[in-house]
């Protein structure tokens, strides 16, 4: 339950609200996996994540 409270505090801070639980991260090794601001490596992501439109072969 402490980890959920820690994540809730992080989400609240991201939207400009004060934290409610004030707990430390009980699993510091998970912070890298759940960090929303982490940039993706182009070569390690799925191609569909970069699709911006549909291809049209009938021009």
PDB file of N, CA and C in Angstrom:
ATOM      1  N   UNK A   1       0.813  -1.185   0.000  1.00  0.00           N
ATOM      2  CA  UNK A   1       0.000   0.000   0.000  1.00  0.00           C
ATOM      3  C   UNK A   1       0.863   1.259   0.000  1.00  0.00           C
ATOM      4  N   UNK A   2       2.039   1.201   0.604  1.00  0.00           N
ATOM      5  CA  UNK A   2       2.924   2.365   0.659  1.00  0.00           C
ATOM      6  C   UNK A   2       3.363   2.789  -0.731  1.00  0.00           C
ATOM      7  N   UNK A   3       3.619   1.819  -1.604  1.00  0.00           N
ATOM      8  CA  UNK A   3       4.043   2.157  -2.963  1.00  0.00           C
ATOM      9  C   UNK A   3       2.933   2.887  -3.715  1.00  0.00           C
ATOM     10  N   UNK A   4       1.703   2.461  -3.554  1.00  0.00           N
ATOM     11  CA  UNK A   4       0.572   3.122  -4.212  1.00  0.00           C
ATOM     12  C   UNK A   4       0.444   4.564  -3.711  1.00  0.00           C
ATOM     13  N   UNK A   5       0.641   4.763  -2.425  1.00  0.00           N
ATOM     14  CA  UNK A   5       0.585   6.108  -1.868  1.00  0.00           C
ATOM     15  C   UNK A   5       1.716   6.973  -2.412  1.00  0.00           C
ATOM     16  N   UNK A   6       2.908   6.385  -2.561  1.00  0.00           N
ATOM     17  CA  UNK A   6       4.041   7.114  -3.127  1.00  0.00           C
ATOM     18  C   UNK A   6       3.736   7.546  -4.565  1.00  0.00           C
ATOM     19  N   UNK A   7       3.194   6.642  -5.359  1.00  0.00           N
ATOM     20  CA  UNK A   7       2.843   6.963  -6.746  1.00  0.00           C
ATOM     21  C   UNK A   7       1.746   8.021  -6.782  1.00  0.00           C
ATOM     22  N   UNK A   8       0.787   7.941  -5.893  1.00  0.00           N
ATOM     23  CA  UNK A   8      -0.273   8.952  -5.838  1.00  0.00           C
ATOM     24  C   UNK A   8       0.319  10.329  -5.550  1.00  0.00           C
ATOM     25  N   UNK A   9       1.254  10.409  -4.631  1.00  0.00           N
ATOM     26  CA  UNK A   9       1.910  11.684  -4.338  1.00  0.00           C
ATOM     27  C   UNK A   9       2.648  12.222  -5.561  1.00  0.00           C
ATOM     28  N   UNK A  10       3.325  11.352  -6.284  1.00  0.00           N
ATOM     29  CA  UNK A  10       4.039  11.788  -7.495  1.00  0.00           C
ATOM     30  C   UNK A  10       3.073  12.328  -8.539  1.00  0.00           C
ATOM     31  N   UNK A  11       1.956  11.654  -8.714  1.00  0.00           N
ATOM     32  CA  UNK A  11       0.969  12.105  -9.706  1.00  0.00           C
ATOM     33  C   UNK A  11       0.357  13.440  -9.290  1.00  0.00           C
ATOM     34  N   UNK A  12       0.063  13.598  -8.015  1.00  0.00           N
ATOM     35  CA  UNK A  12      -0.482  14.858  -7.528  1.00  0.00           C
ATOM     36  C   UNK A  12       0.497  16.010  -7.758  1.00  0.00           C
ATOM     37  N   UNK A  13       1.772  15.760  -7.488  1.00  0.00           N
ATOM     38  CA  UNK A  13       2.778  16.802  -7.704  1.00  0.00           C
ATOM     39  C   UNK A  13       2.903  17.162  -9.181  1.00  0.00           C
ATOM     40  N   UNK A  14       2.750  16.193 -10.062  1.00  0.00           N
ATOM     41  CA  UNK A  14       2.852  16.459 -11.499  1.00  0.00           C
ATOM     42  C   UNK A  14       1.746  17.376 -12.002  1.00  0.00           C
ATOM     43  N   UNK A  15       0.595  17.328 -11.378  1.00  0.00           N
ATOM     44  CA  UNK A  15      -0.507  18.193 -11.809  1.00  0.00           C
ATOM     45  C   UNK A  15      -0.614  19.449 -10.947  1.00  0.00           C
ATOM     46  N   UNK A  16       0.397  19.692 -10.117  1.00  0.00           N
ATOM     47  CA  UNK A  16       0.449  20.924  -9.360  1.00  0.00           C
ATOM     48  C   UNK A  16      -0.275  20.911  -8.029  1.00  0.00           C
ATOM     49  N   UNK A  17      -0.599  19.740  -7.524  1.00  0.00           N
ATOM     50  CA  UNK A  17      -1.277  19.634  -6.230  1.00  0.00           C
ATOM     51  C   UNK A  17      -0.289  19.161  -5.162  1.00  0.00           C
ATOM     52  N   UNK A  18      -0.545  19.470  -3.917  1.00  0.00           N
ATOM     53  CA  UNK A  18       0.366  19.028  -2.856  1.00  0.00           C
ATOM     54  C   UNK A  18       0.216  17.528  -2.588  1.00  0.00           C
ATOM     55  N   UNK A  19       1.296  16.867  -2.190  1.00  0.00           N
ATOM     56  CA  UNK A  19       1.202  15.439  -1.846  1.00  0.00           C
ATOM     57  C   UNK A  19       0.307  15.222  -0.630  1.00  0.00           C
ATOM     58  N   UNK A  20      -0.339  14.064  -0.583  1.00  0.00           N
ATOM     59  CA  UNK A  20      -1.266  13.751   0.498  1.00  0.00           C
ATOM     60  C   UNK A  20      -0.690  12.775   1.523  1.00  0.00           C
ATOM     61  N   UNK A  21       0.196  11.887   1.096  1.00  0.00           N
ATOM     62  CA  UNK A  21       0.650  10.808   1.975  1.00  0.00           C
ATOM     63  C   UNK A  21       2.060  11.023   2.544  1.00  0.00           C
ATOM     64  N   UNK A  22       2.933  11.725   1.816  1.00  0.00           N
ATOM     65  CA  UNK A  22       4.290  12.033   2.270  1.00  0.00           C
ATOM     66  C   UNK A  22       5.064  10.778   2.660  1.00  0.00           C
ATOM     67  N   UNK A  23       5.059   9.783   1.778  1.00  0.00           N
ATOM     68  CA  UNK A  23       5.808   8.549   2.040  1.00  0.00           C
ATOM     69  C   UNK A  23       6.969   8.419   1.055  1.00  0.00           C
ATOM     70  N   UNK A  24       8.044   7.795   1.506  1.00  0.00           N
ATOM     71  CA  UNK A  24       9.186   7.530   0.636  1.00  0.00           C
ATOM     72  C   UNK A  24       8.901   6.310  -0.224  1.00  0.00           C
ATOM     73  N   UNK A  25       9.597   6.230  -1.345  1.00  0.00           N
ATOM     74  CA  UNK A  25       9.436   5.107  -2.254  1.00  0.00           C
ATOM     75  C   UNK A  25      10.005   3.838  -1.613  1.00  0.00           C
ATOM     76  N   UNK A  26       9.161   2.828  -1.348  1.00  0.00           N
ATOM     77  CA  UNK A  26       9.667   1.590  -0.748  1.00  0.00           C
ATOM     78  C   UNK A  26      10.416   0.713  -1.749  1.00  0.00           C
ATOM     79  N   UNK A  27      10.268   0.995  -3.031  1.00  0.00           N
ATOM     80  CA  UNK A  27      10.930   0.221  -4.077  1.00  0.00           C
ATOM     81  C   UNK A  27      11.691   1.168  -5.000  1.00  0.00           C
ATOM     82  N   UNK A  28      12.843   1.687  -4.589  1.00  0.00           N
ATOM     83  CA  UNK A  28      13.560   2.652  -5.424  1.00  0.00           C
ATOM     84  C   UNK A  28      13.984   2.087  -6.776  1.00  0.00           C
ATOM     85  N   UNK A  29      14.138   0.797  -6.873  1.00  0.00           N
ATOM     86  CA  UNK A  29      14.528   0.184  -8.145  1.00  0.00           C
ATOM     87  C   UNK A  29      13.405   0.257  -9.180  1.00  0.00           C
ATOM     88  N   UNK A  30      12.177   0.501  -8.741  1.00  0.00           N
ATOM     89  CA  UNK A  30      11.065   0.593  -9.684  1.00  0.00           C
ATOM     90  C   UNK A  30      10.896   1.993 -10.255  1.00  0.00           C
ATOM     91  N   UNK A  31      11.568   2.982  -9.705  1.00  0.00           N
ATOM     92  CA  UNK A  31      11.358   4.351 -10.150  1.00  0.00           C
ATOM     93  C   UNK A  31      11.745   4.539 -11.615  1.00  0.00           C
ATOM     94  N   UNK A  32      12.767   3.851 -12.069  1.00  0.00           N
ATOM     95  CA  UNK A  32      13.173   3.982 -13.470  1.00  0.00           C
ATOM     96  C   UNK A  32      12.109   3.400 -14.402  1.00  0.00           C
ATOM     97  N   UNK A  33      11.495   2.314 -14.010  1.00  0.00           N
ATOM     98  CA  UNK A  33      10.497   1.678 -14.859  1.00  0.00           C
ATOM     99  C   UNK A  33       9.194   2.466 -14.916  1.00  0.00           C
ATOM    100  N   UNK A  34       8.874   3.211 -13.877  1.00  0.00           N
ATOM    101  CA  UNK A  34       7.594   3.914 -13.833  1.00  0.00           C
ATOM    102  C   UNK A  34       7.715   5.410 -14.066  1.00  0.00           C
ATOM    103  N   UNK A  35       8.915   5.890 -14.297  1.00  0.00           N
ATOM    104  CA  UNK A  35       9.112   7.327 -14.480  1.00  0.00           C
ATOM    105  C   UNK A  35       8.499   7.767 -15.803  1.00  0.00           C
ATOM    106  N   UNK A  36       7.521   8.664 -15.724  1.00  0.00           N
ATOM    107  CA  UNK A  36       6.826   9.114 -16.930  1.00  0.00           C
ATOM    108  C   UNK A  36       7.653  10.059 -17.773  1.00  0.00           C
ATOM    109  N   UNK A  37       8.609  10.713 -17.192  1.00  0.00           N
ATOM    110  CA  UNK A  37       9.382  11.683 -17.963  1.00  0.00           C
ATOM    111  C   UNK A  37      10.573  11.055 -18.677  1.00  0.00           C
ATOM    112  N   UNK A  38      10.767   9.772 -18.523  1.00  0.00           N
ATOM    113  CA  UNK A  38      11.883   9.097 -19.180  1.00  0.00           C
ATOM    114  C   UNK A  38      11.660   9.078 -20.687  1.00  0.00           C
ATOM    115  N   UNK A  39      12.675   9.497 -21.426  1.00  0.00           N
ATOM    116  CA  UNK A  39      12.573   9.497 -22.880  1.00  0.00           C
ATOM    117  C   UNK A  39      12.786   8.086 -23.415  1.00  0.00           C
ATOM    118  N   UNK A  40      12.110   7.787 -24.518  1.00  0.00           N
ATOM    119  CA  UNK A  40      12.225   6.474 -25.122  1.00  0.00           C
ATOM    120  C   UNK A  40      13.343   6.460 -26.157  1.00  0.00           C
ATOM    121  N   UNK A  41      14.013   5.347 -26.233  1.00  0.00           N
ATOM    122  CA  UNK A  41      15.010   5.146 -27.266  1.00  0.00           C
ATOM    123  C   UNK A  41      14.274   4.730 -28.536  1.00  0.00           C
ATOM    124  N   UNK A  42      14.486   5.450 -29.613  1.00  0.00           N
ATOM    125  CA  UNK A  42      13.790   5.181 -30.861  1.00  0.00           C
ATOM    126  C   UNK A  42      13.940   3.722 -31.306  1.00  0.00           C
ATOM    127  N   UNK A  43      15.116   3.152 -31.130  1.00  0.00           N
ATOM    128  CA  UNK A  43      15.382   1.803 -31.620  1.00  0.00           C
ATOM    129  C   UNK A  43      14.869   0.704 -30.688  1.00  0.00           C
ATOM    130  N   UNK A  44      14.380   1.058 -29.509  1.00  0.00           N
ATOM    131  CA  UNK A  44      13.891   0.062 -28.566  1.00  0.00           C
ATOM    132  C   UNK A  44      12.382   0.108 -28.373  1.00  0.00           C
ATOM    133  N   UNK A  45      11.672   0.892 -29.177  1.00  0.00           N
ATOM    134  CA  UNK A  45      10.224   0.993 -29.042  1.00  0.00           C
ATOM    135  C   UNK A  45       9.541   0.374 -30.248  1.00  0.00           C
ATOM    136  N   UNK A  46       8.242   0.158 -30.108  1.00  0.00           N
ATOM    137  CA  UNK A  46       7.476  -0.415 -31.199  1.00  0.00           C
ATOM    138  C   UNK A  46       7.235   0.638 -32.275  1.00  0.00           C
ATOM    139  N   UNK A  47       7.186   0.221 -33.495  1.00  0.00           N
ATOM    140  CA  UNK A  47       6.990   1.127 -34.616  1.00  0.00           C
ATOM    141  C   UNK A  47       5.636   1.828 -34.523  1.00  0.00           C
ATOM    142  N   UNK A  48       4.611   1.165 -34.021  1.00  0.00           N
ATOM    143  CA  UNK A  48       3.273   1.758 -33.974  1.00  0.00           C
ATOM    144  C   UNK A  48       3.207   2.965 -33.040  1.00  0.00           C
ATOM    145  N   UNK A  49       4.156   3.095 -32.132  1.00  0.00           N
ATOM    146  CA  UNK A  49       4.153   4.246 -31.240  1.00  0.00           C
ATOM    147  C   UNK A  49       4.525   5.536 -31.964  1.00  0.00           C
ATOM    148  N   UNK A  50       5.131   5.453 -33.128  1.00  0.00           N
ATOM    149  CA  UNK A  50       5.567   6.618 -33.872  1.00  0.00           C
ATOM    150  C   UNK A  50       4.693   6.901 -35.086  1.00  0.00           C
ATOM    151  N   UNK A  51       3.654   6.141 -35.280  1.00  0.00           N
ATOM    152  CA  UNK A  51       2.792   6.345 -36.438  1.00  0.00           C
ATOM    153  C   UNK A  51       1.953   7.595 -36.243  1.00  0.00           C
ATOM    154  N   UNK A  52       1.973   8.498 -37.236  1.00  0.00           N
ATOM    155  CA  UNK A  52       1.216   9.741 -37.117  1.00  0.00           C
ATOM    156  C   UNK A  52       0.030   9.781 -38.060  1.00  0.00           C
ATOM    157  N   UNK A  53      -0.010   8.943 -39.041  1.00  0.00           N
ATOM    158  CA  UNK A  53      -1.119   8.937 -39.991  1.00  0.00           C
ATOM    159  C   UNK A  53      -1.185   7.606 -40.702  1.00  0.00           C
ATOM    160  N   UNK A  54      -2.054   7.509 -41.661  1.00  0.00           N
ATOM    161  CA  UNK A  54      -2.155   6.265 -42.412  1.00  0.00           C
ATOM    162  C   UNK A  54      -1.506   6.428 -43.769  1.00  0.00           C
ATOM    163  N   UNK A  55      -0.976   5.357 -44.270  1.00  0.00           N
ATOM    164  CA  UNK A  55      -0.360   5.388 -45.602  1.00  0.00           C
ATOM    165  C   UNK A  55      -1.429   5.245 -46.666  1.00  0.00           C
ATOM    166  N   UNK A  56      -1.230   5.945 -47.747  1.00  0.00           N
ATOM    167  CA  UNK A  56      -2.167   5.840 -48.849  1.00  0.00           C
ATOM    168  C   UNK A  56      -1.397   5.495 -50.116  1.00  0.00           C
ATOM    169  N   UNK A  57      -1.698   4.359 -50.705  1.00  0.00           N
ATOM    170  CA  UNK A  57      -1.019   3.931 -51.914  1.00  0.00           C
ATOM    171  C   UNK A  57      -1.810   4.291 -53.160  1.00  0.00           C
ATOM    172  N   UNK A  58      -2.990   4.866 -53.012  1.00  0.00           N
ATOM    173  CA  UNK A  58      -3.855   5.194 -54.140  1.00  0.00           C
ATOM    174  C   UNK A  58      -3.830   6.699 -54.404  1.00  0.00           C
ATOM    175  N   UNK A  59      -2.714   7.235 -54.864  1.00  0.00           N
ATOM    176  CA  UNK A  59      -2.620   8.676 -55.131  1.00  0.00           C
ATOM    177  C   UNK A  59      -2.912   9.003 -56.563  1.00  0.00           C
TER     178      UNK A  59
END
